[in-house]
Every structure is written in C-alpha cells, then in structure tokens.
C-alpha cells in the first residue's frame, strides 16, 4: 500500500466518527438500550484507527510517516477524552488527558516542521486539540460547583 492510501484510510475512518456520533445521539435520546451498540462501534473504530496509524507509521519510509504519527497521537488523545467522558469520569483523569494532549501538540508541531505536503492535517489536529483542552479546562473549573 502506498503512502497516500494509509493517510486516506485514516482520514476516512476519522471522519466516520461524525455520522456515528449522530447515530449515537439518536440512540441515546430515542432508544437508550441500544446505545451500547454505538459504544462498541466507536471502540472498534478507534482501535482500527490506532492499528492502521501504527502500521502506516511503520511501513511508510518517507517524511509522510510524521503524518501517521500525528494520526496516532490524535487517536490516543481522542481515546483519553472518550474514556473521560464515558466510564472514567474521575478528577485525576484531567491530568492524564492534559499530559496526552501536550505530547500530541508536540508531535503536531514536529509534524508541521518535518512534512512538506498535507500540513493541513496536523494543523487541524492542533486546532481540535486546543478546543478540547479549553473544554476540559472549563469542565475542570466547574467540577464540584453547584449553581
């Protein structure tokens, strides 16, 4: 498989999260007993992204391997966010997420410096990571506050 195929497949799998989330919202509102189906499909999708990113990073020999490293870092950071929002809503999980997010940001900045093409991918990941860090900071500041 050539370099661009790995990047294309990862992009498609990552973009599949949006329609899957709409289905998850529908199931959470209208058929809560089936919400577990959404959770399992999302878990399979994230594991597939992790696997494909890692395999692509190992197999690609050009500078585009940094794009795959950015995909891998974003997927790990996204899984930490999903775990925090799901079953592991503990206060200490904030710091785990912050650590993973800052490591991911460092990988994105390295990727932007190293690659010549497709810089929009790590730039997009940087933007999304910044948004989620701000979200986590707001939820952390509201932790335990009663209005």
C-alpha atoms as a PDB file:
ATOM      1  CA  UNK A   1       0.000   0.000   0.000  1.00  0.00           C
ATOM      2  CA  UNK A   2       1.460   3.396  -0.884  1.00  0.00           C
ATOM      3  CA  UNK A   3       1.808   6.357   1.473  1.00  0.00           C
ATOM      4  CA  UNK A   4      -1.299   8.222   0.429  1.00  0.00           C
ATOM      5  CA  UNK A   5      -3.527   5.155   0.911  1.00  0.00           C
ATOM      6  CA  UNK A   6      -2.728   4.967   4.626  1.00  0.00           C
ATOM      7  CA  UNK A   7      -3.462   8.665   5.025  1.00  0.00           C
ATOM      8  CA  UNK A   8      -6.692   8.393   3.032  1.00  0.00           C
ATOM      9  CA  UNK A   9      -7.955   5.395   5.009  1.00  0.00           C
ATOM     10  CA  UNK A  10      -7.115   7.049   8.316  1.00  0.00           C
ATOM     11  CA  UNK A  11      -8.877  10.219   7.242  1.00  0.00           C
ATOM     12  CA  UNK A  12     -11.996   8.308   6.227  1.00  0.00           C
ATOM     13  CA  UNK A  13     -12.066   6.370   9.494  1.00  0.00           C
ATOM     14  CA  UNK A  14     -11.561   9.553  11.498  1.00  0.00           C
ATOM     15  CA  UNK A  15     -14.325  11.364   9.617  1.00  0.00           C
ATOM     16  CA  UNK A  16     -16.630   8.383  10.188  1.00  0.00           C
ATOM     17  CA  UNK A  17     -16.801   9.445  13.834  1.00  0.00           C
ATOM     18  CA  UNK A  18     -19.118  12.359  12.957  1.00  0.00           C
ATOM     19  CA  UNK A  19     -22.020  10.396  11.419  1.00  0.00           C
ATOM     20  CA  UNK A  20     -21.503   7.683  14.024  1.00  0.00           C
ATOM     21  CA  UNK A  21     -21.893  10.311  16.751  1.00  0.00           C
ATOM     22  CA  UNK A  22     -25.164  11.449  15.213  1.00  0.00           C
ATOM     23  CA  UNK A  23     -26.397   7.852  15.369  1.00  0.00           C
ATOM     24  CA  UNK A  24     -25.162   7.667  18.957  1.00  0.00           C
ATOM     25  CA  UNK A  25     -27.078  10.812  19.844  1.00  0.00           C
ATOM     26  CA  UNK A  26     -30.215   9.389  18.250  1.00  0.00           C
ATOM     27  CA  UNK A  27     -29.820   6.148  20.188  1.00  0.00           C
ATOM     28  CA  UNK A  28     -29.160   7.993  23.464  1.00  0.00           C
ATOM     29  CA  UNK A  29     -32.330  10.061  23.054  1.00  0.00           C
ATOM     30  CA  UNK A  30     -34.766   7.604  21.486  1.00  0.00           C
ATOM     31  CA  UNK A  31     -33.546   4.101  22.291  1.00  0.00           C
ATOM     32  CA  UNK A  32     -31.196   4.114  25.253  1.00  0.00           C
ATOM     33  CA  UNK A  33     -30.995   0.329  25.437  1.00  0.00           C
ATOM     34  CA  UNK A  34     -29.287   0.319  22.021  1.00  0.00           C
ATOM     35  CA  UNK A  35     -26.695   2.961  22.995  1.00  0.00           C
ATOM     36  CA  UNK A  36     -24.258   0.179  23.825  1.00  0.00           C
ATOM     37  CA  UNK A  37     -24.171  -0.577  20.085  1.00  0.00           C
ATOM     38  CA  UNK A  38     -22.820   2.925  19.446  1.00  0.00           C
ATOM     39  CA  UNK A  39     -20.210   2.496  22.172  1.00  0.00           C
ATOM     40  CA  UNK A  40     -18.943  -0.767  20.696  1.00  0.00           C
ATOM     41  CA  UNK A  41     -18.824   0.555  17.144  1.00  0.00           C
ATOM     42  CA  UNK A  42     -16.928   3.630  18.345  1.00  0.00           C
ATOM     43  CA  UNK A  43     -14.478   1.410  20.232  1.00  0.00           C
ATOM     44  CA  UNK A  44     -13.911  -0.727  17.125  1.00  0.00           C
ATOM     45  CA  UNK A  45     -13.415   2.405  15.043  1.00  0.00           C
ATOM     46  CA  UNK A  46     -10.847   3.851  17.463  1.00  0.00           C
ATOM     47  CA  UNK A  47      -8.945   0.553  17.714  1.00  0.00           C
ATOM     48  CA  UNK A  48      -8.925   0.357  13.902  1.00  0.00           C
ATOM     49  CA  UNK A  49      -7.555   3.885  13.728  1.00  0.00           C
ATOM     50  CA  UNK A  50      -4.837   3.051  16.255  1.00  0.00           C
ATOM     51  CA  UNK A  51      -3.852  -0.094  14.376  1.00  0.00           C
ATOM     52  CA  UNK A  52      -3.860   1.500  10.924  1.00  0.00           C
ATOM     53  CA  UNK A  53      -1.923   4.546  12.155  1.00  0.00           C
ATOM     54  CA  UNK A  54       0.722   2.379  13.762  1.00  0.00           C
ATOM     55  CA  UNK A  55       1.037   0.091  10.732  1.00  0.00           C
ATOM     56  CA  UNK A  56       1.241   3.107   8.433  1.00  0.00           C
ATOM     57  CA  UNK A  57       3.880   4.736  10.609  1.00  0.00           C
ATOM     58  CA  UNK A  58       5.991   1.567  10.488  1.00  0.00           C
ATOM     59  CA  UNK A  59       5.542   0.899   6.753  1.00  0.00           C
ATOM     60  CA  UNK A  60       5.968   4.413   5.351  1.00  0.00           C
ATOM     61  CA  UNK A  61       9.613   5.270   4.742  1.00  0.00           C
ATOM     62  CA  UNK A  62       9.209   8.908   3.616  1.00  0.00           C
ATOM     63  CA  UNK A  63       8.523  12.080   5.597  1.00  0.00           C
ATOM     64  CA  UNK A  64       4.824  11.242   5.456  1.00  0.00           C
ATOM     65  CA  UNK A  65       5.392   8.876   8.381  1.00  0.00           C
ATOM     66  CA  UNK A  66       5.073  12.015  10.531  1.00  0.00           C
ATOM     67  CA  UNK A  67       1.510  12.453   9.283  1.00  0.00           C
ATOM     68  CA  UNK A  68       0.787   8.942  10.530  1.00  0.00           C
ATOM     69  CA  UNK A  69       2.411   9.826  13.868  1.00  0.00           C
ATOM     70  CA  UNK A  70       0.042  12.795  14.079  1.00  0.00           C
ATOM     71  CA  UNK A  71      -2.915  10.493  13.388  1.00  0.00           C
ATOM     72  CA  UNK A  72      -1.695   8.112  16.083  1.00  0.00           C
ATOM     73  CA  UNK A  73      -1.225  10.915  18.619  1.00  0.00           C
ATOM     74  CA  UNK A  74      -4.658  12.369  17.880  1.00  0.00           C
ATOM     75  CA  UNK A  75      -6.315   8.960  18.190  1.00  0.00           C
ATOM     76  CA  UNK A  76      -4.664   8.292  21.559  1.00  0.00           C
ATOM     77  CA  UNK A  77      -5.677  11.730  22.793  1.00  0.00           C
ATOM     78  CA  UNK A  78      -9.227  11.251  21.482  1.00  0.00           C
ATOM     79  CA  UNK A  79      -9.486   7.888  23.251  1.00  0.00           C
ATOM     80  CA  UNK A  80      -8.439   9.509  26.535  1.00  0.00           C
ATOM     81  CA  UNK A  81     -11.140  12.137  26.018  1.00  0.00           C
ATOM     82  CA  UNK A  82     -13.753   9.472  25.262  1.00  0.00           C
ATOM     83  CA  UNK A  83     -12.748   7.469  28.325  1.00  0.00           C
ATOM     84  CA  UNK A  84     -13.001  10.578  30.481  1.00  0.00           C
ATOM     85  CA  UNK A  85     -16.425  11.449  29.110  1.00  0.00           C
ATOM     86  CA  UNK A  86     -17.528   7.833  29.476  1.00  0.00           C
ATOM     87  CA  UNK A  87     -16.757   5.413  32.276  1.00  0.00           C
ATOM     88  CA  UNK A  88     -13.706   7.082  33.866  1.00  0.00           C
ATOM     89  CA  UNK A  89     -15.005  10.466  34.971  1.00  0.00           C
ATOM     90  CA  UNK A  90     -12.501  10.964  37.777  1.00  0.00           C
ATOM     91  CA  UNK A  91     -10.784  14.202  38.701  1.00  0.00           C
ATOM     92  CA  UNK A  92      -7.325  12.688  38.157  1.00  0.00           C
ATOM     93  CA  UNK A  93      -8.285  11.856  34.555  1.00  0.00           C
ATOM     94  CA  UNK A  94      -7.954  15.564  33.740  1.00  0.00           C
ATOM     95  CA  UNK A  95      -4.223  15.393  34.281  1.00  0.00           C
ATOM     96  CA  UNK A  96      -3.883  12.243  32.197  1.00  0.00           C
ATOM     97  CA  UNK A  97      -5.712  13.997  29.378  1.00  0.00           C
ATOM     98  CA  UNK A  98      -3.602  17.151  29.707  1.00  0.00           C
ATOM     99  CA  UNK A  99      -0.405  15.105  29.542  1.00  0.00           C
ATOM    100  CA  UNK A 100      -1.523  13.245  26.443  1.00  0.00           C
ATOM    101  CA  UNK A 101      -2.759  16.447  24.824  1.00  0.00           C
ATOM    102  CA  UNK A 102       0.536  18.266  25.323  1.00  0.00           C
ATOM    103  CA  UNK A 103       2.526  15.305  23.986  1.00  0.00           C
ATOM    104  CA  UNK A 104       0.168  15.296  20.999  1.00  0.00           C
ATOM    105  CA  UNK A 105       0.688  19.022  20.472  1.00  0.00           C
ATOM    106  CA  UNK A 106       4.453  18.475  20.441  1.00  0.00           C
ATOM    107  CA  UNK A 107       4.049  15.740  17.812  1.00  0.00           C
ATOM    108  CA  UNK A 108       1.828  18.017  15.703  1.00  0.00           C
ATOM    109  CA  UNK A 109       4.402  20.816  15.803  1.00  0.00           C
ATOM    110  CA  UNK A 110       7.174  18.392  14.827  1.00  0.00           C
ATOM    111  CA  UNK A 111       4.986  17.107  12.007  1.00  0.00           C
ATOM    112  CA  UNK A 112       4.334  20.619  10.711  1.00  0.00           C
ATOM    113  CA  UNK A 113       8.077  21.243  10.625  1.00  0.00           C
ATOM    114  CA  UNK A 114       9.029  17.923   9.026  1.00  0.00           C
ATOM    115  CA  UNK A 115       6.481  17.448   6.234  1.00  0.00           C
ATOM    116  CA  UNK A 116       6.203  19.356   3.003  1.00  0.00           C
ATOM    117  CA  UNK A 117       2.736  18.224   1.925  1.00  0.00           C
ATOM    118  CA  UNK A 118      -0.538  17.836   3.801  1.00  0.00           C
ATOM    119  CA  UNK A 119       0.292  20.255   6.588  1.00  0.00           C
ATOM    120  CA  UNK A 120      -3.404  20.919   6.996  1.00  0.00           C
ATOM    121  CA  UNK A 121      -3.794  17.594   8.832  1.00  0.00           C
ATOM    122  CA  UNK A 122      -1.567  18.403  11.836  1.00  0.00           C
ATOM    123  CA  UNK A 123      -2.837  21.991  11.797  1.00  0.00           C
ATOM    124  CA  UNK A 124      -6.408  20.678  12.047  1.00  0.00           C
ATOM    125  CA  UNK A 125      -5.400  18.329  14.858  1.00  0.00           C
ATOM    126  CA  UNK A 126      -3.741  21.228  16.671  1.00  0.00           C
ATOM    127  CA  UNK A 127      -6.922  23.281  16.408  1.00  0.00           C
ATOM    128  CA  UNK A 128      -9.118  20.410  17.639  1.00  0.00           C
ATOM    129  CA  UNK A 129      -6.740  19.629  20.498  1.00  0.00           C
ATOM    130  CA  UNK A 130      -6.728  23.265  21.580  1.00  0.00           C
ATOM    131  CA  UNK A 131     -10.528  23.312  21.578  1.00  0.00           C
ATOM    132  CA  UNK A 132     -10.728  20.132  23.653  1.00  0.00           C
ATOM    133  CA  UNK A 133      -8.095  21.401  26.108  1.00  0.00           C
ATOM    134  CA  UNK A 134     -10.193  24.533  26.637  1.00  0.00           C
ATOM    135  CA  UNK A 135     -13.285  22.354  27.096  1.00  0.00           C
ATOM    136  CA  UNK A 136     -11.503  20.234  29.684  1.00  0.00           C
ATOM    137  CA  UNK A 137     -10.269  23.341  31.494  1.00  0.00           C
ATOM    138  CA  UNK A 138     -13.812  24.680  31.710  1.00  0.00           C
ATOM    139  CA  UNK A 139     -15.220  21.387  32.975  1.00  0.00           C
ATOM    140  CA  UNK A 140     -12.394  21.130  35.496  1.00  0.00           C
ATOM    141  CA  UNK A 141     -13.102  24.617  36.799  1.00  0.00           C
ATOM    142  CA  UNK A 142     -16.780  23.706  37.182  1.00  0.00           C
ATOM    143  CA  UNK A 143     -16.030  20.392  38.941  1.00  0.00           C
ATOM    144  CA  UNK A 144     -17.973  20.302  42.191  1.00  0.00           C
ATOM    145  CA  UNK A 145     -19.519  23.752  41.719  1.00  0.00           C
ATOM    146  CA  UNK A 146     -23.200  23.948  42.467  1.00  0.00           C
ATOM    147  CA  UNK A 147     -25.236  26.712  40.943  1.00  0.00           C
END
